[in-house]
Amino acid sequence: MPLNLWVIASWHDWAYGGSFGHRAFTESAAIFAFGYASLLQAAAAPGRRRVLVGLSVLLMLLSVHLMTEYWRGIIPFGRTTWPQFVAALRRW
């Protein structure tokens, strides 16, 4: 898994042809799901599990927000700068 991560993350074009995010990790999603399930299982206390699930939901909502900003053209197709990214975050 670390070798897979290194090879994918070191590619020169982070967008992999103009998509939102790192679409090359799609094939690794099943492996990441095992790690996430293990993390949920390790959070045995109900309070910890609720915090973990709540944080996961917030991160998913953030991802959906950024994806819609990308579709609307707020986040550029390529060469997005940090100020452009922060501006897209502030539009929430």
C-alpha atoms as a PDB file:
ATOM      1  CA  MET A   1       0.000   0.000   0.000  1.00  0.00           C
ATOM      2  CA  PRO A   2       2.763   2.560   0.735  1.00  0.00           C
ATOM      3  CA  LEU A   3       4.337   1.861  -2.661  1.00  0.00           C
ATOM      4  CA  ASN A   4       0.944   2.300  -4.364  1.00  0.00           C
ATOM      5  CA  LEU A   5       0.446   5.568  -2.495  1.00  0.00           C
ATOM      6  CA  TRP A   6       3.900   6.841  -3.446  1.00  0.00           C
ATOM      7  CA  VAL A   7       3.553   5.957  -7.150  1.00  0.00           C
ATOM      8  CA  ILE A   8       0.112   7.525  -7.472  1.00  0.00           C
ATOM      9  CA  ALA A   9       0.887  10.637  -5.428  1.00  0.00           C
ATOM     10  CA  SER A  10       4.124  11.360  -7.282  1.00  0.00           C
ATOM     11  CA  TRP A  11       2.445  11.716 -10.668  1.00  0.00           C
ATOM     12  CA  HIS A  12       3.165  15.088 -12.279  1.00  0.00           C
ATOM     13  CA  ASP A  13      -0.508  15.930 -12.961  1.00  0.00           C
ATOM     14  CA  TRP A  14      -2.433  15.773  -9.679  1.00  0.00           C
ATOM     15  CA  ALA A  15      -5.802  16.085 -11.425  1.00  0.00           C
ATOM     16  CA  TYR A  16      -5.155  13.067 -13.653  1.00  0.00           C
ATOM     17  CA  GLY A  17      -6.643  14.693 -16.704  1.00  0.00           C
ATOM     18  CA  GLY A  18      -8.932  17.384 -15.347  1.00  0.00           C
ATOM     19  CA  SER A  19     -11.009  15.654 -12.707  1.00  0.00           C
ATOM     20  CA  PHE A  20     -11.752  16.799  -9.203  1.00  0.00           C
ATOM     21  CA  GLY A  21      -9.354  15.195  -6.770  1.00  0.00           C
ATOM     22  CA  HIS A  22      -7.046  12.284  -7.229  1.00  0.00           C
ATOM     23  CA  ARG A  23      -9.098   9.831  -9.263  1.00  0.00           C
ATOM     24  CA  ALA A  24      -6.228   7.350  -9.372  1.00  0.00           C
ATOM     25  CA  PHE A  25      -7.044   6.384  -5.780  1.00  0.00           C
ATOM     26  CA  THR A  26     -10.451   5.040  -6.852  1.00  0.00           C
ATOM     27  CA  GLU A  27      -9.040   1.560  -7.322  1.00  0.00           C
ATOM     28  CA  SER A  28      -7.668   1.682  -3.757  1.00  0.00           C
ATOM     29  CA  ALA A  29     -11.007   2.627  -2.173  1.00  0.00           C
ATOM     30  CA  ALA A  30     -11.776  -0.956  -1.145  1.00  0.00           C
ATOM     31  CA  ILE A  31      -8.467  -1.198   0.707  1.00  0.00           C
ATOM     32  CA  PHE A  32      -9.116   2.143   2.432  1.00  0.00           C
ATOM     33  CA  ALA A  33     -12.569   0.865   3.442  1.00  0.00           C
ATOM     34  CA  PHE A  34     -10.958  -1.962   5.408  1.00  0.00           C
ATOM     35  CA  GLY A  35      -8.823   0.564   7.277  1.00  0.00           C
ATOM     36  CA  TYR A  36     -11.820   2.780   8.010  1.00  0.00           C
ATOM     37  CA  ALA A  37     -13.849  -0.201   9.246  1.00  0.00           C
ATOM     38  CA  SER A  38     -10.965  -1.162  11.522  1.00  0.00           C
ATOM     39  CA  LEU A  39     -10.834   2.388  12.846  1.00  0.00           C
ATOM     40  CA  LEU A  40     -14.574   2.315  13.602  1.00  0.00           C
ATOM     41  CA  GLN A  41     -14.192  -1.003  15.351  1.00  0.00           C
ATOM     42  CA  ALA A  42     -11.284   0.308  17.431  1.00  0.00           C
ATOM     43  CA  ALA A  43     -13.440   3.227  18.596  1.00  0.00           C
ATOM     44  CA  ALA A  44     -15.401   0.906  20.886  1.00  0.00           C
ATOM     45  CA  ALA A  45     -16.871   3.611  23.116  1.00  0.00           C
ATOM     46  CA  PRO A  46     -20.139   4.967  21.666  1.00  0.00           C
ATOM     47  CA  GLY A  47     -19.032   8.579  22.202  1.00  0.00           C
ATOM     48  CA  ARG A  48     -15.824   8.088  20.262  1.00  0.00           C
ATOM     49  CA  ARG A  49     -17.633   6.317  17.473  1.00  0.00           C
ATOM     50  CA  ARG A  50     -20.166   9.164  17.191  1.00  0.00           C
ATOM     51  CA  VAL A  51     -17.351  11.715  16.972  1.00  0.00           C
ATOM     52  CA  LEU A  52     -15.609   9.674  14.283  1.00  0.00           C
ATOM     53  CA  VAL A  53     -18.786   9.230  12.240  1.00  0.00           C
ATOM     54  CA  GLY A  54     -19.683  12.925  12.672  1.00  0.00           C
ATOM     55  CA  LEU A  55     -16.224  13.973  11.505  1.00  0.00           C
ATOM     56  CA  SER A  56     -16.522  11.622   8.528  1.00  0.00           C
ATOM     57  CA  VAL A  57     -19.865  13.137   7.551  1.00  0.00           C
ATOM     58  CA  LEU A  58     -18.432  16.671   7.800  1.00  0.00           C
ATOM     59  CA  LEU A  59     -15.480  15.716   5.599  1.00  0.00           C
ATOM     60  CA  MET A  60     -17.837  14.140   3.035  1.00  0.00           C
ATOM     61  CA  LEU A  61     -19.936  17.319   2.979  1.00  0.00           C
ATOM     62  CA  LEU A  62     -16.770  19.375   2.491  1.00  0.00           C
ATOM     63  CA  SER A  63     -15.786  17.143  -0.412  1.00  0.00           C
ATOM     64  CA  VAL A  64     -19.213  17.520  -2.029  1.00  0.00           C
ATOM     65  CA  HIS A  65     -19.052  21.300  -1.570  1.00  0.00           C
ATOM     66  CA  LEU A  66     -15.618  21.507  -3.188  1.00  0.00           C
ATOM     67  CA  MET A  67     -16.738  19.207  -6.017  1.00  0.00           C
ATOM     68  CA  THR A  68     -19.727  21.442  -6.822  1.00  0.00           C
ATOM     69  CA  GLU A  69     -17.454  24.502  -6.726  1.00  0.00           C
ATOM     70  CA  TYR A  70     -15.221  22.724  -9.237  1.00  0.00           C
ATOM     71  CA  TRP A  71     -18.192  21.891 -11.498  1.00  0.00           C
ATOM     72  CA  ARG A  72     -19.360  25.509 -11.371  1.00  0.00           C
ATOM     73  CA  GLY A  73     -15.903  26.746 -12.375  1.00  0.00           C
ATOM     74  CA  ILE A  74     -15.060  28.416  -9.058  1.00  0.00           C
ATOM     75  CA  ILE A  75     -12.122  26.037  -8.606  1.00  0.00           C
ATOM     76  CA  PRO A  76     -10.183  26.124 -11.887  1.00  0.00           C
ATOM     77  CA  PHE A  77      -9.541  23.078 -14.081  1.00  0.00           C
ATOM     78  CA  GLY A  78      -5.806  23.202 -13.579  1.00  0.00           C
ATOM     79  CA  ARG A  79      -3.086  25.067 -11.736  1.00  0.00           C
ATOM     80  CA  THR A  80      -5.303  26.013  -8.830  1.00  0.00           C
ATOM     81  CA  THR A  81      -3.505  28.281  -6.400  1.00  0.00           C
ATOM     82  CA  TRP A  82      -3.890  28.207  -2.633  1.00  0.00           C
ATOM     83  CA  PRO A  83      -5.757  31.586  -2.589  1.00  0.00           C
ATOM     84  CA  GLN A  84      -8.250  30.255  -5.168  1.00  0.00           C
ATOM     85  CA  PHE A  85      -8.802  27.135  -3.084  1.00  0.00           C
ATOM     86  CA  VAL A  86      -9.301  29.136   0.121  1.00  0.00           C
ATOM     87  CA  ALA A  87     -11.731  31.442  -1.697  1.00  0.00           C
ATOM     88  CA  ALA A  88     -13.768  28.382  -2.700  1.00  0.00           C
ATOM     89  CA  LEU A  89     -13.802  27.226   0.923  1.00  0.00           C
ATOM     90  CA  ARG A  90     -15.063  30.617   2.095  1.00  0.00           C
ATOM     91  CA  ARG A  91     -18.048  30.507  -0.280  1.00  0.00           C
ATOM     92  CA  TRP A  92     -19.762  27.967   1.958  1.00  0.00           C
END
